[in-house]
Amino acid sequence: LEHFSSQVVERYNKPEVEVGTSKELLLNPVIISRNANEKVLIESSINSIRISIMIKQADEIEKILCKKFMRFMMMRAENFIVLRRKPVDGYHISFLITNFHTEQMYKHKLVDFVI
């Protein structure tokens, strides 16, 4: 991930994976799937990467636990710097990692947090 200014607005640096103004800066999304209920979507661009995770929910108890845990995490999204407040549609939790995060944080700690 590297610093990349917007091609549309001068002195403007937003995560291209979120904004999507320049299609040539986006890479092909990758879906890693164990089954229909467990999968990870990895979307990357020149200056950011978005990781979305779908968690297995076999029965009602797991659905309730997942919903409560995700709600707990989303309410504290500003404390978990890379956590998005709203996940991508169809997934339970999403992380947005930008070039600024990789410059300010230890990369191995960032990977450990997401995993």
C-alpha atoms as a PDB file:
ATOM      1  CA  LEU A   1       0.000   0.000   0.000  1.00  0.00           C
ATOM      2  CA  GLU A   2       1.323   3.404  -0.892  1.00  0.00           C
ATOM      3  CA  HIS A   3       0.284   7.051  -0.772  1.00  0.00           C
ATOM      4  CA  PHE A   4      -1.723   7.934  -3.858  1.00  0.00           C
ATOM      5  CA  SER A   5      -3.470  11.260  -4.369  1.00  0.00           C
ATOM      6  CA  SER A   6      -6.831  11.426  -6.070  1.00  0.00           C
ATOM      7  CA  GLN A   7      -6.900  11.736  -9.835  1.00  0.00           C
ATOM      8  CA  VAL A   8     -10.077  13.813  -9.605  1.00  0.00           C
ATOM      9  CA  VAL A   9      -9.443  16.303  -6.778  1.00  0.00           C
ATOM     10  CA  GLU A  10      -6.095  17.895  -6.007  1.00  0.00           C
ATOM     11  CA  ARG A  11      -4.527  17.182  -2.572  1.00  0.00           C
ATOM     12  CA  TYR A  12      -7.213  14.625  -1.778  1.00  0.00           C
ATOM     13  CA  ASN A  13      -6.327  11.145  -0.557  1.00  0.00           C
ATOM     14  CA  LYS A  14      -9.215   8.800   0.173  1.00  0.00           C
ATOM     15  CA  PRO A  15      -9.214   4.996   0.182  1.00  0.00           C
ATOM     16  CA  GLU A  16      -9.823   4.049  -3.449  1.00  0.00           C
ATOM     17  CA  VAL A  17     -11.453   0.769  -2.439  1.00  0.00           C
ATOM     18  CA  GLU A  18     -14.172   2.815  -0.679  1.00  0.00           C
ATOM     19  CA  VAL A  19     -14.520   5.700  -3.137  1.00  0.00           C
ATOM     20  CA  GLY A  20     -14.011   3.741  -6.355  1.00  0.00           C
ATOM     21  CA  THR A  21     -13.678   6.814  -8.579  1.00  0.00           C
ATOM     22  CA  SER A  22     -10.857   5.345 -10.672  1.00  0.00           C
ATOM     23  CA  LYS A  23     -11.506   1.781 -11.817  1.00  0.00           C
ATOM     24  CA  GLU A  24      -7.916   1.341 -13.018  1.00  0.00           C
ATOM     25  CA  LEU A  25      -6.665   1.647  -9.415  1.00  0.00           C
ATOM     26  CA  LEU A  26      -8.807  -1.241  -8.138  1.00  0.00           C
ATOM     27  CA  LEU A  27      -7.587  -4.824  -8.244  1.00  0.00           C
ATOM     28  CA  ASN A  28      -9.870  -7.805  -8.765  1.00  0.00           C
ATOM     29  CA  PRO A  29     -11.666  -8.814  -5.552  1.00  0.00           C
ATOM     30  CA  VAL A  30     -10.761 -12.214  -4.108  1.00  0.00           C
ATOM     31  CA  ILE A  31     -13.259 -14.455  -2.296  1.00  0.00           C
ATOM     32  CA  ILE A  32     -11.900 -17.217  -0.078  1.00  0.00           C
ATOM     33  CA  SER A  33     -14.730 -19.555   0.846  1.00  0.00           C
ATOM     34  CA  ARG A  34     -14.833 -22.626   3.053  1.00  0.00           C
ATOM     35  CA  ASN A  35     -18.562 -23.091   2.388  1.00  0.00           C
ATOM     36  CA  ALA A  36     -21.592 -20.882   1.713  1.00  0.00           C
ATOM     37  CA  ASN A  37     -21.693 -19.670   5.337  1.00  0.00           C
ATOM     38  CA  GLU A  38     -17.987 -18.969   5.867  1.00  0.00           C
ATOM     39  CA  LYS A  39     -16.126 -16.715   3.490  1.00  0.00           C
ATOM     40  CA  VAL A  40     -13.757 -13.768   3.269  1.00  0.00           C
ATOM     41  CA  LEU A  41     -13.837 -11.027   0.638  1.00  0.00           C
ATOM     42  CA  ILE A  42     -10.570  -9.174   0.001  1.00  0.00           C
ATOM     43  CA  GLU A  43     -10.831  -5.993  -2.072  1.00  0.00           C
ATOM     44  CA  SER A  44      -7.631  -4.083  -2.725  1.00  0.00           C
ATOM     45  CA  SER A  45      -6.508  -0.928  -4.455  1.00  0.00           C
ATOM     46  CA  ILE A  46      -3.338   1.114  -4.701  1.00  0.00           C
ATOM     47  CA  ASN A  47      -3.749   2.801  -1.298  1.00  0.00           C
ATOM     48  CA  SER A  48      -6.156   0.624   0.701  1.00  0.00           C
ATOM     49  CA  ILE A  49      -7.500  -2.842   1.299  1.00  0.00           C
ATOM     50  CA  ARG A  50     -10.928  -3.885   2.600  1.00  0.00           C
ATOM     51  CA  ILE A  51     -11.358  -7.280   4.237  1.00  0.00           C
ATOM     52  CA  SER A  52     -14.924  -8.491   4.843  1.00  0.00           C
ATOM     53  CA  ILE A  53     -15.670 -11.641   6.829  1.00  0.00           C
ATOM     54  CA  MET A  54     -18.815 -13.777   6.967  1.00  0.00           C
ATOM     55  CA  ILE A  55     -18.980 -15.847  10.155  1.00  0.00           C
ATOM     56  CA  LYS A  56     -20.628 -19.268  10.324  1.00  0.00           C
ATOM     57  CA  GLN A  57     -23.981 -19.237  12.123  1.00  0.00           C
ATOM     58  CA  ALA A  58     -25.392 -22.743  12.364  1.00  0.00           C
ATOM     59  CA  ASP A  59     -28.281 -22.174  14.766  1.00  0.00           C
ATOM     60  CA  GLU A  60     -30.244 -19.404  16.489  1.00  0.00           C
ATOM     61  CA  ILE A  61     -27.874 -19.158  19.462  1.00  0.00           C
ATOM     62  CA  GLU A  62     -24.886 -18.575  17.191  1.00  0.00           C
ATOM     63  CA  LYS A  63     -26.851 -15.956  15.236  1.00  0.00           C
ATOM     64  CA  ILE A  64     -27.722 -14.088  18.443  1.00  0.00           C
ATOM     65  CA  LEU A  65     -24.150 -14.306  19.750  1.00  0.00           C
ATOM     66  CA  CYS A  66     -22.745 -13.088  16.440  1.00  0.00           C
ATOM     67  CA  LYS A  67     -25.195 -10.192  16.275  1.00  0.00           C
ATOM     68  CA  LYS A  68     -24.431  -9.092  19.857  1.00  0.00           C
ATOM     69  CA  PHE A  69     -20.674  -9.385  19.365  1.00  0.00           C
ATOM     70  CA  MET A  70     -20.740  -7.448  16.080  1.00  0.00           C
ATOM     71  CA  ARG A  71     -22.890  -4.751  17.676  1.00  0.00           C
ATOM     72  CA  PHE A  72     -20.401  -4.508  20.550  1.00  0.00           C
ATOM     73  CA  MET A  73     -17.500  -4.177  18.098  1.00  0.00           C
ATOM     74  CA  MET A  74     -19.219  -1.650  15.826  1.00  0.00           C
ATOM     75  CA  MET A  75     -20.078   0.621  18.750  1.00  0.00           C
ATOM     76  CA  ARG A  76     -16.358   0.763  19.550  1.00  0.00           C
ATOM     77  CA  ALA A  77     -15.137   1.050  15.962  1.00  0.00           C
ATOM     78  CA  GLU A  78     -13.143   4.224  16.616  1.00  0.00           C
ATOM     79  CA  ASN A  79     -11.105   2.344  19.248  1.00  0.00           C
ATOM     80  CA  PHE A  80     -10.382  -0.443  16.745  1.00  0.00           C
ATOM     81  CA  ILE A  81      -8.883   1.905  14.187  1.00  0.00           C
ATOM     82  CA  VAL A  82      -9.106  -0.395  11.146  1.00  0.00           C
ATOM     83  CA  LEU A  83     -12.654  -1.641  11.845  1.00  0.00           C
ATOM     84  CA  ARG A  84     -15.432  -0.254   9.629  1.00  0.00           C
ATOM     85  CA  ARG A  85     -18.563   0.833  11.454  1.00  0.00           C
ATOM     86  CA  LYS A  86     -20.807  -0.738   8.802  1.00  0.00           C
ATOM     87  CA  PRO A  87     -19.834  -4.021   7.117  1.00  0.00           C
ATOM     88  CA  VAL A  88     -20.116  -4.675   3.393  1.00  0.00           C
ATOM     89  CA  ASP A  89     -23.532  -6.044   2.409  1.00  0.00           C
ATOM     90  CA  GLY A  90     -23.700  -9.802   2.879  1.00  0.00           C
ATOM     91  CA  TYR A  91     -20.838  -9.929   5.400  1.00  0.00           C
ATOM     92  CA  HIS A  92     -20.744  -9.613   9.179  1.00  0.00           C
ATOM     93  CA  ILE A  93     -17.587  -7.571   9.806  1.00  0.00           C
ATOM     94  CA  SER A  94     -15.286  -5.448   7.638  1.00  0.00           C
ATOM     95  CA  PHE A  95     -11.840  -3.962   8.108  1.00  0.00           C
ATOM     96  CA  LEU A  96     -10.400  -1.070   6.110  1.00  0.00           C
ATOM     97  CA  ILE A  97      -6.615  -0.788   6.088  1.00  0.00           C
ATOM     98  CA  THR A  98      -5.080   2.247   4.378  1.00  0.00           C
ATOM     99  CA  ASN A  99      -1.520   3.227   3.600  1.00  0.00           C
ATOM    100  CA  PHE A 100      -1.564   5.501   6.679  1.00  0.00           C
ATOM    101  CA  HIS A 101      -2.331   2.527   8.927  1.00  0.00           C
ATOM    102  CA  THR A 102       0.602   0.549   7.527  1.00  0.00           C
ATOM    103  CA  GLU A 103       2.905   3.543   8.052  1.00  0.00           C
ATOM    104  CA  GLN A 104       1.804   4.184  11.650  1.00  0.00           C
ATOM    105  CA  MET A 105       1.318   0.626  12.949  1.00  0.00           C
ATOM    106  CA  TYR A 106       3.391  -2.524  13.064  1.00  0.00           C
ATOM    107  CA  LYS A 107       2.383  -4.632  10.076  1.00  0.00           C
ATOM    108  CA  HIS A 108       2.597  -7.960  11.909  1.00  0.00           C
ATOM    109  CA  LYS A 109       0.361  -6.627  14.718  1.00  0.00           C
ATOM    110  CA  LEU A 110      -2.137  -5.391  12.137  1.00  0.00           C
ATOM    111  CA  VAL A 111      -2.286  -8.833  10.521  1.00  0.00           C
ATOM    112  CA  ASP A 112      -2.642 -10.518  13.929  1.00  0.00           C
ATOM    113  CA  PHE A 113      -5.581  -8.239  14.807  1.00  0.00           C
ATOM    114  CA  VAL A 114      -7.468  -9.030  11.605  1.00  0.00           C
ATOM    115  CA  ILE A 115      -6.828 -12.775  11.891  1.00  0.00           C
END
